[in-house]
Protein backbone atom coordinates (compact mmCIF):
# COMPACT_ATOMS: atom_id res chain seq x y z
CA MET A 1 15.40 -13.28 -4.67
CA LYS A 2 12.55 -13.79 -7.12
CA THR A 3 10.84 -10.70 -8.51
CA LEU A 4 7.21 -10.40 -7.36
CA LEU A 5 6.14 -7.19 -9.10
CA LYS A 6 7.74 -5.33 -11.97
CA VAL A 7 6.49 -1.91 -13.08
CA GLU A 8 7.73 -0.84 -16.53
CA ASN A 9 7.37 2.69 -17.96
CA LEU A 10 4.06 3.33 -16.17
CA GLN A 11 2.26 6.46 -17.37
CA THR A 12 -0.87 8.03 -15.91
CA GLN A 13 -2.30 11.39 -16.87
CA PHE A 14 -5.19 13.64 -15.90
CA ARG A 15 -7.06 15.87 -18.34
CA LEU A 16 -8.00 19.17 -16.71
CA GLY A 17 -9.86 21.22 -19.31
CA LYS A 18 -7.41 21.77 -22.15
CA GLU A 19 -4.44 20.87 -20.00
CA THR A 20 -2.96 17.40 -19.52
CA VAL A 21 -1.07 16.67 -16.30
CA ARG A 22 1.32 13.72 -16.43
CA ALA A 23 1.10 12.63 -12.79
CA VAL A 24 3.11 9.44 -13.41
CA ASN A 25 5.58 9.86 -16.25
CA GLY A 26 7.48 6.71 -17.14
CA VAL A 27 7.90 5.08 -13.72
CA SER A 28 9.81 1.78 -13.54
CA PHE A 29 10.79 -0.31 -10.52
CA SER A 30 10.60 -3.87 -9.20
CA ILE A 31 10.10 -5.51 -5.82
CA ALA A 32 11.31 -8.96 -4.83
CA GLU A 33 9.50 -11.55 -2.72
CA GLY A 34 9.72 -10.62 0.97
CA GLU A 35 11.23 -7.20 0.24
CA VAL A 36 10.11 -3.81 1.59
CA LEU A 37 10.29 -1.01 -0.98
CA GLY A 38 9.92 2.57 0.20
CA LEU A 39 8.46 5.03 -2.32
CA VAL A 40 9.32 8.52 -1.11
CA GLY A 41 8.93 12.10 -2.28
CA GLU A 42 7.14 15.32 -1.47
CA SER A 43 3.35 15.71 -1.60
CA GLY A 44 2.08 15.84 -5.19
CA CYS A 45 5.04 14.01 -6.74
CA GLY A 46 2.88 11.09 -7.93
CA LYS A 47 3.42 8.45 -5.22
CA THR A 48 -0.25 7.77 -4.51
CA VAL A 49 -1.21 7.91 -8.21
CA THR A 50 1.51 5.29 -8.86
CA SER A 51 -0.01 2.95 -6.25
CA LEU A 52 -3.56 3.51 -7.52
CA SER A 53 -2.35 2.85 -11.08
CA ILE A 54 -0.83 -0.48 -10.00
CA MET A 55 -4.22 -1.40 -8.50
CA ARG A 56 -6.06 0.03 -11.54
CA LEU A 57 -8.10 2.33 -9.31
CA ILE A 58 -7.63 5.49 -11.40
CA GLU A 59 -10.95 7.22 -12.09
CA SER A 60 -11.92 9.88 -14.65
CA PRO A 61 -10.50 12.40 -15.52
CA GLY A 62 -7.46 10.21 -14.88
CA GLU A 63 -6.27 7.56 -17.32
CA ILE A 64 -3.43 5.01 -17.45
CA THR A 65 -1.92 5.65 -20.88
CA GLY A 66 1.02 3.25 -21.02
CA GLY A 67 3.35 0.80 -19.39
CA LYS A 68 3.17 -2.65 -17.82
CA VAL A 69 2.58 -3.92 -14.27
CA ILE A 70 3.79 -7.52 -14.24
CA PHE A 71 2.72 -9.57 -11.22
CA HIS A 72 4.41 -12.93 -10.68
CA ASP A 73 1.81 -15.16 -9.03
CA ALA A 74 2.87 -18.79 -8.52
CA ASP A 75 4.04 -19.91 -11.99
CA LYS A 76 2.05 -17.26 -13.85
CA HIS A 77 3.18 -13.81 -14.96
CA VAL A 78 0.28 -11.46 -15.58
CA ASP A 79 0.11 -7.83 -16.69
CA LEU A 80 -2.42 -6.26 -14.33
CA LEU A 81 -3.14 -3.49 -16.84
CA LYS A 82 -4.34 -6.01 -19.43
CA LEU A 83 -6.47 -8.28 -17.23
CA SER A 84 -10.26 -8.34 -17.52
CA ASP A 85 -12.13 -6.75 -14.62
CA LYS A 86 -13.14 -10.20 -13.34
CA ASP A 87 -9.58 -11.60 -13.40
CA LEU A 88 -8.31 -8.44 -11.72
CA GLU A 89 -10.92 -8.80 -8.96
CA ASN A 90 -9.57 -12.29 -8.21
CA ILE A 91 -6.11 -10.79 -7.56
CA LEU A 92 -6.92 -7.52 -5.78
CA GLY A 93 -7.77 -8.03 -2.13
CA SER A 94 -6.60 -11.63 -2.31
CA ARG A 95 -3.04 -11.62 -3.75
CA ILE A 96 -2.46 -7.84 -3.62
CA ALA A 97 -3.94 -5.69 -0.85
CA MET A 98 -3.78 -2.00 -0.05
CA ILE A 99 -3.99 0.13 3.09
CA PHE A 100 -5.22 3.59 2.14
CA GLN A 101 -4.19 6.95 3.62
CA ASP A 102 -7.41 7.74 5.43
CA PRO A 103 -9.22 4.81 7.10
CA LYS A 104 -12.13 7.13 7.91
CA THR A 105 -13.07 7.39 4.22
CA SER A 106 -11.97 3.84 3.33
CA LEU A 107 -14.30 2.12 5.80
CA ASN A 108 -18.04 2.07 5.13
CA PRO A 109 -19.65 4.14 7.95
CA VAL A 110 -22.95 2.22 7.90
CA LEU A 111 -21.46 -1.29 8.19
CA THR A 112 -19.87 -2.81 11.30
CA ILE A 113 -16.13 -3.33 11.17
CA GLY A 114 -16.66 -7.05 11.76
CA PHE A 115 -18.90 -7.30 8.70
CA GLN A 116 -16.32 -5.46 6.58
CA ILE A 117 -13.50 -7.83 7.57
CA ALA A 118 -15.71 -10.92 7.14
CA GLU A 119 -16.93 -9.70 3.72
CA THR A 120 -13.36 -9.86 2.36
CA LEU A 121 -13.12 -13.50 3.39
CA ARG A 122 -16.54 -14.39 1.97
CA VAL A 123 -15.83 -12.72 -1.39
CA HIS A 124 -12.24 -13.93 -1.96
CA ARG A 125 -12.04 -17.14 0.07
CA ARG A 126 -15.68 -18.26 -0.17
CA PHE A 127 -15.89 -18.61 3.63
CA SER A 128 -19.28 -19.41 5.16
CA LYS A 129 -20.86 -16.66 7.28
CA LYS A 130 -19.94 -18.51 10.51
CA ASP A 131 -16.32 -19.22 9.49
CA ALA A 132 -15.86 -15.66 8.22
CA LYS A 133 -17.03 -14.26 11.55
CA GLU A 134 -14.68 -16.53 13.52
CA LYS A 135 -11.73 -15.58 11.32
CA ALA A 136 -12.64 -11.87 11.50
CA ILE A 137 -12.63 -12.00 15.32
CA GLU A 138 -9.25 -13.76 15.21
CA LEU A 139 -7.90 -11.03 12.89
CA LEU A 140 -9.19 -8.29 15.18
CA LYS A 141 -7.31 -9.87 18.08
CA LYS A 142 -4.16 -10.12 15.94
CA VAL A 143 -4.20 -6.36 15.31
CA GLY A 144 -4.82 -5.62 19.00
CA ILE A 145 -8.60 -5.07 19.03
CA ALA A 146 -10.93 -7.05 21.32
CA GLY A 147 -13.16 -9.52 19.47
CA SER A 148 -16.11 -8.10 21.43
CA ARG A 149 -15.93 -5.03 19.16
CA PHE A 150 -16.94 -7.07 16.10
CA ASN A 151 -20.34 -5.30 15.92
CA ASP A 152 -19.03 -1.76 16.46
CA TYR A 153 -19.09 0.88 13.71
CA PRO A 154 -16.07 2.84 12.35
CA HIS A 155 -17.11 6.10 14.09
CA GLU A 156 -16.74 4.33 17.46
CA PHE A 157 -13.00 3.85 16.88
CA SER A 158 -10.04 6.24 17.08
CA GLY A 159 -7.89 6.93 14.00
CA GLY A 160 -5.26 4.41 15.10
CA MET A 161 -7.88 1.73 15.77
CA ARG A 162 -9.47 2.33 12.35
CA GLN A 163 -6.05 1.87 10.74
CA ARG A 164 -5.69 -1.43 12.63
CA VAL A 165 -9.04 -2.51 11.14
CA MET A 166 -7.73 -1.60 7.67
CA ILE A 167 -4.66 -3.77 8.32
CA ALA A 168 -6.93 -6.66 9.41
CA ILE A 169 -8.91 -6.34 6.16
CA ALA A 170 -5.71 -6.12 4.09
CA ILE A 171 -4.08 -9.25 5.57
CA ALA A 172 -7.30 -11.31 5.81
CA CYS A 173 -6.51 -13.31 2.65
CA GLU A 174 -2.75 -13.44 3.31
CA PRO A 175 -1.68 -11.42 0.24
CA LYS A 176 1.71 -11.71 -1.43
CA LEU A 177 2.00 -7.92 -1.79
CA LEU A 178 0.81 -5.19 0.57
CA ILE A 179 0.75 -1.57 -0.60
CA ALA A 180 0.61 0.87 2.33
CA ASP A 181 -0.13 4.45 1.25
CA GLU A 182 0.91 6.87 4.02
CA PRO A 183 -0.44 4.44 6.67
CA THR A 184 0.58 6.68 9.58
CA THR A 185 -0.73 10.04 8.31
CA ALA A 186 -2.50 12.10 11.01
CA LEU A 187 -1.59 9.63 13.78
CA ASP A 188 0.50 10.64 16.78
CA VAL A 189 4.06 9.34 17.06
CA THR A 190 3.30 6.53 19.52
CA ILE A 191 0.42 5.17 17.41
CA GLN A 192 2.55 5.55 14.24
CA ALA A 193 5.18 3.24 15.77
CA GLN A 194 2.52 0.67 16.70
CA ILE A 195 1.05 0.66 13.17
CA LEU A 196 4.50 0.29 11.56
CA ASN A 197 5.38 -2.54 13.95
CA LEU A 198 2.12 -4.31 13.01
CA ILE A 199 2.94 -4.05 9.29
CA LEU A 200 6.45 -5.44 9.94
CA LYS A 201 5.04 -8.24 12.10
CA PHE A 202 2.64 -9.43 9.38
CA LYS A 203 5.28 -8.99 6.69
CA LYS A 204 7.44 -11.52 8.57
CA GLU A 205 4.56 -13.85 9.49
CA LEU A 206 3.09 -14.03 5.98
CA GLY A 207 6.30 -13.56 3.97
CA MET A 208 4.73 -10.57 2.22
CA SER A 209 6.42 -7.97 0.08
CA VAL A 210 5.52 -4.41 1.07
CA ILE A 211 5.48 -1.14 -0.86
CA ILE A 212 5.32 1.66 1.71
CA ILE A 213 4.53 5.12 0.36
CA THR A 214 5.48 8.08 2.51
CA HIS A 215 7.19 11.47 2.63
CA ASP A 216 8.63 10.57 6.05
CA LEU A 217 12.23 9.38 5.75
CA GLY A 218 12.14 8.25 9.40
CA VAL A 219 9.51 5.66 8.45
CA ILE A 220 11.65 4.57 5.48
CA ALA A 221 14.75 4.15 7.65
CA GLN A 222 12.76 1.92 10.02
CA LEU A 223 11.06 -0.30 7.43
CA ALA A 224 12.55 -0.33 3.93
CA ASP A 225 15.18 -2.55 2.33
CA LYS A 226 15.24 -0.51 -0.88
CA VAL A 227 14.11 3.06 -1.63
CA ALA A 228 12.72 4.65 -4.80
CA VAL A 229 12.81 8.45 -4.71
CA MET A 230 10.10 10.15 -6.76
CA TYR A 231 10.04 13.71 -8.07
CA ALA A 232 7.58 15.34 -10.49
CA GLY A 233 6.08 12.06 -11.69
CA LYS A 234 9.40 10.28 -12.22
CA ILE A 235 11.69 8.07 -10.15
CA VAL A 236 15.01 9.88 -9.91
CA GLU A 237 16.93 7.36 -7.80
CA ILE A 238 16.61 3.76 -6.59
CA ALA A 239 19.08 2.34 -4.08
CA PRO A 240 19.37 0.22 -0.91
CA VAL A 241 18.12 2.19 2.09
CA LYS A 242 21.64 2.52 3.56
CA ASP A 243 22.97 4.14 0.37
CA ILE A 244 20.07 6.61 0.22
CA PHE A 245 20.96 7.96 3.67
CA GLN A 246 24.75 7.71 3.47
CA ARG A 247 25.49 8.29 -0.25
CA PRO A 248 22.50 9.96 -1.96
CA GLN A 249 23.33 10.55 -5.65
CA HIS A 250 20.55 12.73 -7.08
CA PRO A 251 20.38 16.41 -6.00
CA TYR A 252 16.72 15.99 -4.98
CA THR A 253 17.56 12.96 -2.79
CA GLN A 254 20.43 14.92 -1.25
CA ALA A 255 18.02 17.78 -0.45
CA LEU A 256 15.49 15.33 1.07
CA VAL A 257 18.10 13.73 3.31
CA ALA A 258 19.50 17.16 4.27
CA SER A 259 16.02 18.27 5.36
CA ILE A 260 15.82 15.66 8.17
CA PRO A 261 15.95 17.52 11.52
CA ARG A 262 18.99 16.60 13.60
CA LEU A 263 19.73 17.15 17.28
């Protein structure tokens, strides 16, 4: 399989007064076309900061201090960390999309959900207002929301419905890579399963690669082909999902697997 994204020695730090915290400390991994990579580890280990660094969404006092993020797009290989802001904008949202942890804070509360989906299409695909609306309604239906809710606002939706809207926005431009950061946090088990099934459905339909970030090994077992285990800002083990559960090598991975409740 062809490599789609390669992260090499990624380093991100935060300056807190006189102290420097290395949240991501030399992370390296790759993901192939059509592959699902699970990035797992406990809260605070650097999973989310890794994903935000790939997207270059780190804000002060954070700073990406080293490494490469090579994205293979068609016949071009580009380092996302070296692109101009304008070139990066052309890739983010169009070729690489992200579903954030909390849809409540990711969606604009004063804009209708239909407008927010359509805006993605108008910015990245240059759709007319009419075409963008038609496509947005089609996307809403694909994620299981009635098209009649196009003019509703985020506060009128449940948490699971808001996450479906986020998925609709993320897949609007048919990206090559989807990064899902804890997409099922704070959702009940039934809704979690529906959201994960939606991500898998679009992964197959669009031939996307997916990086799914979670501390839930049950989610990883259901979705991932390959797993990267993260601890204290570093990746301590990468292996096929079967090996992680049956033959974990690193002591931290062994402890993670041992912590899964069993009947």
